[in-house]
Amino acid sequence: MIMAKVIIDEHDVEIARYILDILSTQPNVFMSWGVNPETMRPCKCGIQFHVQGFKHTGLVRITLNEGADLFEVTLLSDSGEAVKTMDSVFLDTLISTVDEAVEKTDDYDKTLCDTYPFLTDPHNPDKVKPVEIVIL
């Protein structure tokens, strides 16, 4: 099998930064996917990184179709095999689309509490306890 070399140019890097800026608008959701920052790489028309979510562990590739102004999200196994592709993803649903595919289970609060018992609300064992965030 002959592998073609893909050349990543400055425009691809700009698109990767643009997508990363979008993902960074909701850092708590983005980081809940178990993103390994060392694996973040620009790819042709997008960005790729490794996640370790409740539903998907492997690579996530997000690319921008500039002509349509829509994104394509592809989940890949660790070996690089495409597992699932979601195309025609709008900007305002990009984060939730990836979150649903990588992390969000039907019983997400219970999954969190089972995995991370210190998050459990003592008054409701199947719910995550409320968290107060103080910004100085």
N, C-alpha and C. Protein backbone atom coordinates (compact mmCIF):
# COMPACT_ATOMS: atom_id res chain seq x y z
N MET A 1 0.85 -1.17 0.00
CA MET A 1 0.00 0.00 0.00
C MET A 1 0.89 1.23 0.00
N ILE A 2 0.65 2.16 -0.91
CA ILE A 2 1.42 3.38 -1.01
C ILE A 2 0.70 4.49 -0.26
N MET A 3 1.41 5.11 0.66
CA MET A 3 0.84 6.20 1.46
C MET A 3 1.26 7.53 0.84
N ALA A 4 0.29 8.39 0.57
CA ALA A 4 0.59 9.71 0.03
C ALA A 4 0.94 10.63 1.20
N LYS A 5 1.95 11.44 1.01
CA LYS A 5 2.36 12.38 2.04
C LYS A 5 1.43 13.60 1.98
N VAL A 6 0.84 13.95 3.12
CA VAL A 6 -0.05 15.09 3.21
C VAL A 6 0.75 16.28 3.72
N ILE A 7 0.71 17.36 2.99
CA ILE A 7 1.46 18.55 3.38
C ILE A 7 0.51 19.51 4.09
N ILE A 8 0.88 19.86 5.31
CA ILE A 8 0.11 20.80 6.11
C ILE A 8 0.72 22.18 5.88
N ASP A 9 -0.11 23.12 5.41
CA ASP A 9 0.41 24.45 5.14
C ASP A 9 -0.08 25.45 6.21
N GLU A 10 0.33 26.68 6.08
CA GLU A 10 -0.03 27.72 7.07
C GLU A 10 -1.54 27.90 7.17
N HIS A 11 -2.25 27.76 6.07
CA HIS A 11 -3.71 27.90 6.10
C HIS A 11 -4.34 26.80 6.97
N ASP A 12 -3.81 25.58 6.87
CA ASP A 12 -4.30 24.48 7.71
C ASP A 12 -4.06 24.78 9.19
N VAL A 13 -2.91 25.37 9.49
CA VAL A 13 -2.58 25.74 10.87
C VAL A 13 -3.56 26.81 11.37
N GLU A 14 -3.89 27.77 10.51
CA GLU A 14 -4.86 28.81 10.88
C GLU A 14 -6.24 28.20 11.16
N ILE A 15 -6.65 27.25 10.35
CA ILE A 15 -7.94 26.59 10.57
C ILE A 15 -7.90 25.81 11.88
N ALA A 16 -6.79 25.13 12.15
CA ALA A 16 -6.65 24.39 13.42
C ALA A 16 -6.77 25.34 14.60
N ARG A 17 -6.14 26.50 14.51
CA ARG A 17 -6.24 27.50 15.60
C ARG A 17 -7.67 27.99 15.75
N TYR A 18 -8.35 28.22 14.64
CA TYR A 18 -9.74 28.66 14.65
C TYR A 18 -10.63 27.63 15.37
N ILE A 19 -10.46 26.36 15.04
CA ILE A 19 -11.25 25.30 15.67
C ILE A 19 -10.91 25.21 17.16
N LEU A 20 -9.63 25.31 17.49
CA LEU A 20 -9.22 25.27 18.90
C LEU A 20 -9.81 26.46 19.66
N ASP A 21 -9.87 27.62 19.03
CA ASP A 21 -10.51 28.78 19.67
C ASP A 21 -11.98 28.50 19.96
N ILE A 22 -12.67 27.84 19.05
CA ILE A 22 -14.08 27.49 19.26
C ILE A 22 -14.20 26.53 20.43
N LEU A 23 -13.39 25.47 20.44
CA LEU A 23 -13.44 24.47 21.52
C LEU A 23 -13.11 25.10 22.87
N SER A 24 -12.24 26.10 22.87
CA SER A 24 -11.81 26.76 24.10
C SER A 24 -12.89 27.66 24.70
N THR A 25 -13.97 27.90 23.98
CA THR A 25 -15.05 28.72 24.55
C THR A 25 -15.79 27.98 25.65
N GLN A 26 -15.66 26.65 25.67
CA GLN A 26 -16.27 25.84 26.73
C GLN A 26 -15.20 24.87 27.27
N PRO A 27 -14.22 25.42 28.00
CA PRO A 27 -13.09 24.58 28.42
C PRO A 27 -13.48 23.42 29.32
N ASN A 28 -14.51 23.58 30.14
CA ASN A 28 -14.92 22.48 31.01
C ASN A 28 -15.43 21.29 30.20
N VAL A 29 -16.15 21.55 29.13
CA VAL A 29 -16.64 20.47 28.27
C VAL A 29 -15.48 19.88 27.47
N PHE A 30 -14.69 20.75 26.87
CA PHE A 30 -13.54 20.32 26.07
C PHE A 30 -12.60 19.43 26.87
N MET A 31 -12.26 19.82 28.07
CA MET A 31 -11.32 19.04 28.88
C MET A 31 -11.97 17.78 29.46
N SER A 32 -13.31 17.75 29.55
CA SER A 32 -13.97 16.55 30.06
C SER A 32 -13.80 15.37 29.11
N TRP A 33 -13.40 15.63 27.88
CA TRP A 33 -13.19 14.56 26.92
C TRP A 33 -11.88 13.82 27.16
N GLY A 34 -11.10 14.27 28.13
CA GLY A 34 -9.80 13.63 28.39
C GLY A 34 -8.81 13.92 27.27
N VAL A 35 -8.83 15.16 26.80
CA VAL A 35 -7.93 15.56 25.72
C VAL A 35 -6.49 15.51 26.19
N ASN A 36 -5.64 14.91 25.38
CA ASN A 36 -4.21 14.91 25.64
C ASN A 36 -3.61 16.03 24.81
N PRO A 37 -3.23 17.16 25.44
CA PRO A 37 -2.72 18.30 24.69
C PRO A 37 -1.49 17.98 23.82
N GLU A 38 -0.70 17.00 24.24
CA GLU A 38 0.49 16.64 23.47
C GLU A 38 0.16 16.02 22.12
N THR A 39 -1.09 15.58 21.93
CA THR A 39 -1.47 14.93 20.68
C THR A 39 -2.12 15.89 19.69
N MET A 40 -2.31 17.14 20.09
CA MET A 40 -2.97 18.11 19.20
C MET A 40 -2.07 18.41 18.02
N ARG A 41 -2.64 18.20 16.83
CA ARG A 41 -1.90 18.42 15.60
C ARG A 41 -2.83 19.03 14.56
N PRO A 42 -2.31 19.99 13.80
CA PRO A 42 -3.09 20.43 12.65
C PRO A 42 -3.16 19.30 11.64
N CYS A 43 -4.25 19.21 10.94
CA CYS A 43 -4.38 18.26 9.84
C CYS A 43 -4.91 19.04 8.64
N LYS A 44 -5.08 18.40 7.53
CA LYS A 44 -5.56 19.11 6.34
C LYS A 44 -6.94 19.71 6.65
N CYS A 45 -7.02 21.01 6.65
CA CYS A 45 -8.27 21.77 6.88
C CYS A 45 -8.82 21.61 8.30
N GLY A 46 -7.97 21.30 9.29
CA GLY A 46 -8.51 21.14 10.63
C GLY A 46 -7.49 20.79 11.69
N ILE A 47 -8.01 20.08 12.70
CA ILE A 47 -7.19 19.70 13.85
C ILE A 47 -7.54 18.27 14.26
N GLN A 48 -6.58 17.61 14.86
CA GLN A 48 -6.76 16.24 15.34
C GLN A 48 -6.14 16.13 16.72
N PHE A 49 -6.78 15.36 17.61
CA PHE A 49 -6.25 15.16 18.96
C PHE A 49 -6.81 13.87 19.54
N HIS A 50 -6.13 13.36 20.56
CA HIS A 50 -6.55 12.13 21.23
C HIS A 50 -7.43 12.46 22.42
N VAL A 51 -8.49 11.67 22.59
CA VAL A 51 -9.41 11.84 23.73
C VAL A 51 -9.54 10.51 24.46
N GLN A 52 -10.00 10.62 25.69
CA GLN A 52 -10.30 9.43 26.48
C GLN A 52 -11.62 9.69 27.18
N GLY A 53 -12.70 9.59 26.41
CA GLY A 53 -14.04 9.88 26.92
C GLY A 53 -14.75 8.63 27.39
N PHE A 54 -15.94 8.82 27.96
CA PHE A 54 -16.73 7.67 28.41
C PHE A 54 -17.21 6.83 27.23
N LYS A 55 -17.47 7.46 26.07
CA LYS A 55 -18.00 6.75 24.91
C LYS A 55 -16.96 6.47 23.82
N HIS A 56 -15.94 7.29 23.74
CA HIS A 56 -14.93 7.09 22.69
C HIS A 56 -13.54 7.39 23.23
N THR A 57 -12.65 6.45 23.02
CA THR A 57 -11.24 6.66 23.28
C THR A 57 -10.53 6.46 21.97
N GLY A 58 -9.80 7.47 21.58
CA GLY A 58 -9.10 7.43 20.30
C GLY A 58 -8.91 8.84 19.81
N LEU A 59 -8.87 8.99 18.51
CA LEU A 59 -8.63 10.30 17.92
C LEU A 59 -9.93 10.96 17.51
N VAL A 60 -9.92 12.29 17.57
CA VAL A 60 -11.00 13.11 17.04
C VAL A 60 -10.37 14.02 16.00
N ARG A 61 -10.94 14.03 14.80
CA ARG A 61 -10.48 14.93 13.75
C ARG A 61 -11.65 15.85 13.40
N ILE A 62 -11.40 17.15 13.48
CA ILE A 62 -12.40 18.14 13.12
C ILE A 62 -11.86 18.94 11.95
N THR A 63 -12.60 18.95 10.86
CA THR A 63 -12.18 19.69 9.68
C THR A 63 -13.27 20.69 9.29
N LEU A 64 -12.84 21.73 8.61
CA LEU A 64 -13.75 22.79 8.18
C LEU A 64 -13.91 22.72 6.66
N ASN A 65 -15.15 22.65 6.23
CA ASN A 65 -15.47 22.80 4.82
C ASN A 65 -15.75 24.28 4.62
N GLU A 66 -14.75 25.01 4.16
CA GLU A 66 -14.87 26.47 4.07
C GLU A 66 -15.95 26.91 3.09
N GLY A 67 -16.14 26.17 2.02
CA GLY A 67 -17.15 26.54 1.04
C GLY A 67 -18.56 26.51 1.61
N ALA A 68 -18.83 25.50 2.44
CA ALA A 68 -20.16 25.35 3.05
C ALA A 68 -20.21 26.01 4.43
N ASP A 69 -19.05 26.38 4.97
CA ASP A 69 -18.95 26.93 6.33
C ASP A 69 -19.54 25.96 7.36
N LEU A 70 -19.20 24.68 7.17
CA LEU A 70 -19.65 23.61 8.05
C LEU A 70 -18.45 22.75 8.44
N PHE A 71 -18.58 22.04 9.55
CA PHE A 71 -17.52 21.19 10.05
C PHE A 71 -17.85 19.72 9.81
N GLU A 72 -16.80 18.92 9.75
CA GLU A 72 -16.93 17.47 9.75
C GLU A 72 -16.15 16.95 10.94
N VAL A 73 -16.78 16.08 11.72
CA VAL A 73 -16.15 15.49 12.90
C VAL A 73 -16.00 13.99 12.62
N THR A 74 -14.78 13.50 12.72
CA THR A 74 -14.53 12.09 12.51
C THR A 74 -13.88 11.51 13.76
N LEU A 75 -14.46 10.44 14.26
CA LEU A 75 -13.87 9.69 15.38
C LEU A 75 -13.04 8.57 14.77
N LEU A 76 -11.81 8.43 15.24
CA LEU A 76 -10.90 7.40 14.72
C LEU A 76 -10.42 6.53 15.87
N SER A 77 -10.18 5.29 15.57
CA SER A 77 -9.59 4.40 16.56
C SER A 77 -8.14 4.82 16.76
N ASP A 78 -7.50 4.26 17.77
CA ASP A 78 -6.08 4.56 18.01
C ASP A 78 -5.22 4.16 16.82
N SER A 79 -5.68 3.19 16.03
CA SER A 79 -4.92 2.76 14.86
C SER A 79 -5.21 3.63 13.63
N GLY A 80 -6.13 4.59 13.78
CA GLY A 80 -6.41 5.51 12.69
C GLY A 80 -7.59 5.14 11.82
N GLU A 81 -8.31 4.09 12.17
CA GLU A 81 -9.47 3.65 11.39
C GLU A 81 -10.69 4.50 11.77
N ALA A 82 -11.40 5.01 10.76
CA ALA A 82 -12.59 5.83 11.01
C ALA A 82 -13.67 4.97 11.67
N VAL A 83 -14.18 5.45 12.80
CA VAL A 83 -15.22 4.75 13.55
C VAL A 83 -16.59 5.38 13.26
N LYS A 84 -16.62 6.71 13.19
CA LYS A 84 -17.87 7.42 12.98
C LYS A 84 -17.55 8.79 12.39
N THR A 85 -18.38 9.23 11.45
CA THR A 85 -18.22 10.55 10.87
C THR A 85 -19.53 11.30 10.93
N MET A 86 -19.45 12.55 11.38
CA MET A 86 -20.61 13.43 11.43
C MET A 86 -20.29 14.62 10.55
N ASP A 87 -21.03 14.78 9.45
CA ASP A 87 -20.75 15.89 8.56
C ASP A 87 -21.84 16.94 8.66
N SER A 88 -21.60 18.06 8.04
CA SER A 88 -22.55 19.19 8.05
C SER A 88 -22.87 19.66 9.46
N VAL A 89 -21.83 19.80 10.29
CA VAL A 89 -21.99 20.26 11.66
C VAL A 89 -21.84 21.78 11.69
N PHE A 90 -22.84 22.44 12.22
CA PHE A 90 -22.82 23.90 12.30
C PHE A 90 -21.93 24.37 13.45
N LEU A 91 -21.43 25.57 13.33
CA LEU A 91 -20.56 26.17 14.34
C LEU A 91 -21.18 26.09 15.73
N ASP A 92 -22.46 26.47 15.84
CA ASP A 92 -23.09 26.53 17.16
C ASP A 92 -23.39 25.17 17.77
N THR A 93 -23.21 24.09 17.01
CA THR A 93 -23.42 22.75 17.56
C THR A 93 -22.14 21.91 17.57
N LEU A 94 -21.01 22.53 17.21
CA LEU A 94 -19.77 21.76 17.11
C LEU A 94 -19.39 21.11 18.44
N ILE A 95 -19.37 21.88 19.51
CA ILE A 95 -18.95 21.34 20.81
C ILE A 95 -19.93 20.27 21.30
N SER A 96 -21.22 20.53 21.19
CA SER A 96 -22.20 19.55 21.67
C SER A 96 -22.17 18.28 20.81
N THR A 97 -21.89 18.42 19.52
CA THR A 97 -21.80 17.24 18.65
C THR A 97 -20.64 16.35 19.07
N VAL A 98 -19.48 16.96 19.31
CA VAL A 98 -18.32 16.17 19.76
C VAL A 98 -18.59 15.60 21.15
N ASP A 99 -19.18 16.40 22.04
CA ASP A 99 -19.47 15.95 23.40
C ASP A 99 -20.39 14.73 23.39
N GLU A 100 -21.43 14.77 22.57
CA GLU A 100 -22.37 13.64 22.47
C GLU A 100 -21.66 12.38 21.96
N ALA A 101 -20.73 12.55 21.05
CA ALA A 101 -20.05 11.40 20.46
C ALA A 101 -18.95 10.84 21.35
N VAL A 102 -18.30 11.70 22.13
CA VAL A 102 -17.12 11.28 22.90
C VAL A 102 -17.45 10.99 24.36
N GLU A 103 -18.26 11.81 24.97
CA GLU A 103 -18.36 11.81 26.43
C GLU A 103 -19.76 11.54 26.99
N LYS A 104 -20.75 12.20 26.47
CA LYS A 104 -22.07 12.27 27.11
C LYS A 104 -22.84 10.96 26.98
N THR A 105 -23.03 10.29 28.11
CA THR A 105 -23.83 9.07 28.15
C THR A 105 -25.26 9.43 28.53
N ASP A 106 -26.19 8.49 28.38
CA ASP A 106 -27.59 8.75 28.73
C ASP A 106 -27.73 9.07 30.22
N ASP A 107 -26.93 8.42 31.03
CA ASP A 107 -26.98 8.65 32.48
C ASP A 107 -25.65 9.28 32.94
N TYR A 108 -25.34 10.41 32.35
CA TYR A 108 -24.03 11.04 32.52
C TYR A 108 -23.69 11.33 33.99
N ASP A 109 -24.63 11.91 34.74
CA ASP A 109 -24.35 12.20 36.15
C ASP A 109 -24.00 10.93 36.92
N LYS A 110 -24.76 9.86 36.70
CA LYS A 110 -24.48 8.59 37.40
C LYS A 110 -23.12 8.03 36.97
N THR A 111 -22.81 8.11 35.70
CA THR A 111 -21.51 7.64 35.21
C THR A 111 -20.38 8.42 35.87
N LEU A 112 -20.55 9.73 35.97
CA LEU A 112 -19.54 10.56 36.64
C LEU A 112 -19.38 10.16 38.10
N CYS A 113 -20.50 9.98 38.79
CA CYS A 113 -20.45 9.63 40.22
C CYS A 113 -19.83 8.25 40.44
N ASP A 114 -20.14 7.31 39.55
CA ASP A 114 -19.55 5.97 39.67
C ASP A 114 -18.04 6.01 39.41
N THR A 115 -17.63 6.83 38.45
CA THR A 115 -16.22 6.91 38.09
C THR A 115 -15.42 7.76 39.06
N TYR A 116 -16.03 8.85 39.51
CA TYR A 116 -15.37 9.81 40.41
C TYR A 116 -16.24 10.01 41.64
N PRO A 117 -16.18 9.10 42.62
CA PRO A 117 -17.07 9.17 43.78
C PRO A 117 -16.98 10.48 44.57
N PHE A 118 -15.85 11.16 44.53
CA PHE A 118 -15.72 12.41 45.27
C PHE A 118 -16.62 13.51 44.71
N LEU A 119 -17.17 13.32 43.52
CA LEU A 119 -18.09 14.29 42.94
C LEU A 119 -19.54 14.09 43.36
N THR A 120 -19.82 12.97 44.05
CA THR A 120 -21.19 12.62 44.38
C THR A 120 -21.81 13.57 45.38
N ASP A 121 -23.03 13.99 45.08
CA ASP A 121 -23.82 14.82 46.00
C ASP A 121 -24.27 13.93 47.15
N PRO A 122 -23.91 14.25 48.40
CA PRO A 122 -24.28 13.38 49.52
C PRO A 122 -25.79 13.25 49.71
N HIS A 123 -26.56 14.20 49.21
CA HIS A 123 -28.02 14.16 49.35
C HIS A 123 -28.70 13.40 48.21
N ASN A 124 -27.97 13.16 47.14
CA ASN A 124 -28.51 12.43 45.99
C ASN A 124 -27.36 11.68 45.32
N PRO A 125 -27.16 10.40 45.68
CA PRO A 125 -25.99 9.65 45.24
C PRO A 125 -25.86 9.46 43.72
N ASP A 126 -26.92 9.72 42.96
CA ASP A 126 -26.83 9.57 41.51
C ASP A 126 -26.58 10.89 40.80
N LYS A 127 -26.33 11.94 41.56
CA LYS A 127 -26.11 13.27 40.97
C LYS A 127 -24.76 13.81 41.39
N VAL A 128 -24.23 14.67 40.55
CA VAL A 128 -22.98 15.35 40.85
C VAL A 128 -23.30 16.49 41.80
N LYS A 129 -22.47 16.64 42.84
CA LYS A 129 -22.74 17.71 43.79
C LYS A 129 -22.52 19.07 43.14
N PRO A 130 -23.31 20.05 43.57
CA PRO A 130 -23.14 21.39 43.00
C PRO A 130 -21.74 21.91 43.31
N VAL A 131 -21.18 22.63 42.37
CA VAL A 131 -19.85 23.18 42.54
C VAL A 131 -19.95 24.68 42.48
N GLU A 132 -19.33 25.31 43.45
CA GLU A 132 -19.29 26.77 43.46
C GLU A 132 -17.95 27.22 42.92
N ILE A 133 -17.99 28.07 41.92
CA ILE A 133 -16.76 28.57 41.33
C ILE A 133 -16.62 30.04 41.72
N VAL A 134 -15.49 30.35 42.28
CA VAL A 134 -15.22 31.73 42.69
C VAL A 134 -14.15 32.29 41.77
N ILE A 135 -14.47 33.39 41.12
CA ILE A 135 -13.52 34.04 40.24
C ILE A 135 -13.01 35.29 40.95
N LEU A 136 -11.71 35.33 41.14
CA LEU A 136 -11.11 36.45 41.84
C LEU A 136 -10.73 37.55 40.88
